[in-house]
Amino acid sequence: MSPYAPFFVASYYSTLELLIGLVSLIILVSSVDDLFIDAWYWTRRIWRSVTVWRTHKPLEASQILERPEQPIAIMIPAWLEYDVIAPMLENMVNTLDYGTYTIFAGTYRNDERTIAEVERMRRRYGQLVRVEVPHDGPTCKADCLNWIIASIFGYEKTHGIEFAGVVLHDSEDVLHPLELRFFNYLLPRKDLIQIPVTSLERDWYELVAGTYMDEFAEWHAKDLVVRESMSGMVPSAGVGTCFSRRALLLLCERDRNQPFSVESLTEDYDIGARLSAYGLQGVFCQFPVRYEVSRHTWFGYGRDKRHRIEMPMCVREYFPDTFRTAYRQKARWTLGIALQGWQQIGWRGGLAERYLLFRDRKGLVTSFVSIIAYLLVLQVMVLYFCSLFGIATLRFPTLIEPDGWIAFALKANAVALSLRVIQRMYFVGRIYGWEHALLSAPRMVIGNFINFFAAARAWRRFLANYLFGKKLVWDKTMHDFPSFEQTANRSQRLGELLVSWKAVDARVLTDALVDQAESHLPLGRTLILRGALDEDTLAEAISFQSGLPRCRPTAAMVKAHADVLPQRVCIHCGAVPFGRAADGRVQLAVAGPLSIDHERELAAQLPDGYALNIATESEVTSAIRIVSGIEAPIHDRPVAPLLGELLIETGMISPYDLSAAIDAYDPGRHGKIGAFLVERGLLTPELLAKAVAEQQRLFDESQQTLGAPEQTPAAPKET
């Protein structure tokens, strides 16, 4: 070993002590900032508990329920949200206790999978409007929102209404039933209404996702309250935000019809600052409600329990649960709030506003300092253990004197850290229980590493844009949506379900029920014949009501599986095979749930099992024609009804007689169904000829409507 090695190690240790002093000083400044926020919050809370809360009764649910409903719009920007947007929309419609609202979902023209999911939900729910961004994505969230806002104002003109407010949500949000009623109560007096955002509860071992539980539990219970009381400025959280119509009109007027800034990746933070600068009033609300939650006790080793907890009405969602997705999402927040905010907003405003801007931006430095502190501690521990074993024992006089400034900073930081941990545990525990409260302490370390990588990525993206002009686009984070058993409306009758979806007017339904009693046709078919309903919406309603998935079989799929099920069984049961599931079960397209007898017949023919999927009547009809040997495409709109359907619709035969005849019908032995009905005495040859002629006429009309190809397939005749 070199004789200079001990002196080198001693110099290295002294350098570490100096760095410890500098890092401790930076952390102390940040800790004093945090302690000031803590002191403000607790002082304000104690003061209000002995003054305001004693003289003013809190708002009650009965008060918001009594207020007449005003039209409210909900906007949902979507880019690659095909995996979550459908269940989110379904849960929203089935959750909200409000009638006068319209949902506007914005999609990009090159995002076909999300478009398909939104369109599927649009056919299901009459209060849903899809807005297409007329250029390819991704751009930025603000761009998508601006197109939605333009569509909302256009919708107002065409429908002769004015929305009192517009609510912003993401496609992974879980809403409270009273959310719109609460916004309705405050509109139009308030111009920006923000309710808290919290994470849905995760398992104890999901440590990355748990950091979101901890941070939002504290931020949205304490920090946002302090921010509002200090400056009067309420930043939008990006979800659970309601803007008044007046606020959006003013933003459009002042900012060239661009209410959301396309120059910022955190348009929610930016719009809150601009509304405050324009003198409009924002409010951060904590309206207490009750939630039912299921919780795994004793870190998953105890029995599950149902808890009823009281907490502020909030928007809940799942946040990222992997390290990479977490720091990428936080990098977007850091880039938009700290770096772009600094670049675009600067340090304007009064002392309180500038102080809060400092808090928003200090993470650009402290995120790195915290990791440097961990590295310094690690190195000091290594050198300490080396000295215990007699290695590198030489030390220069220490800089960390017991009464020196470095020692004072270290002790003060230890006290501040203890207060930080205690408060974090308090805010987490009151929402998620004591197990997560304990876990919040070690999760703070994980959060620091996430923030470090997020700050590094934010700086890199910002400098690449600033120095080299690299475009900043929507940095997509894939989301999860909790699985809910949507059974609330499945038991509804079909007509009631269609009315609740606003797919059919209640008066039209009443008239259709009268017609149905006379014709004995199914209600859905009656509504279609009256022109009050389209087949896609009917299929969506039947799919929802039955819990069976929606399918769209193609001619190629049906041909490939035509030999799986005999033609006779396909006609008897109204079921057509079009594929196989991963477990080997045959996938069958049906227009609705089958009878027990038909299910037994299918089970006898398909011993490996089968799965039912809901298709439109036209799709099933076209598929049956293909199974019968007629070359024709599968249409999702009516082409020409099967002969049996036409006979029922025209009153030539009763549904009961036709059903009995089809049960006895075998195409191989009896030939065409029309001749079989004549043979059984259910139809005269003249009526059969009349029905076939009408079928041909309808087929010809459908070809003109659909746009017949160059080689038009033969008419179905008596299939």
Foldseek 3Di string as FASTA:
>chain_A
DDPCVLVVVQVVVQVLQVLLLVLLVLLLVVLVLVVVLVVLQVVVVVVCVVPVCVVDPADDPVVLVPDDDFAEEEEEEDDPQLPQQLVLVVLVLLAAPDDRYAYEYEYEPPRVSNVVSLVLVCLQFVRYDYFYDDHGDDQASLSRVLSSVVVVVVVCVVVVGDGQKYFYAYRFKRAHRCLSSVVRSCPPVAFKEAEAEAADDDALPLLLQLLRRLVSLDCLVRVQVSLCVLAQQHFHPRHRMMGGPVLQVVLCVVPVSRSFDSVFNPSRRVNSVVCVVVVGGYDYDFRKDKDWDWAQPPSNPDDIDIDIAITGGYMYGGDDRDLVLLLLVLLSVLLRLAVVCCVPVNQDDDPSSNSVNCVSHVLLPVLVSVVVSVVSVVVVVVVVVCVVVVHSVDHDPHPCDCPDPSVVSVVSSVVSLVVVLVSSLVSSCSVRNNSSSVVNSVSVVVVSNSSNSSSVVSVVVVCCCVPVVDRDTHSDRHGDHDDDDPPPCLPPDLLVSCVSSVLAPPVLLVVLVVVCVVLVDDSVVSCVVVVSHFQSNLLSSQCSNVVAAADQAKLVQQVVCLPLDQLLLCQLFLWTFRDADPQGATEIEHQHDTDPVSVVVVCVSGVSHHGYHHAGQQQSQVSSLVSVPFDDIRDSGHQFDALVVLCSVVVLAPPVVVSVQSVVDDCVPQPFPLSSCVVVVSHPPVVLVVSQVVRVVSNVVSCVVVPADPDHTDRSRRD
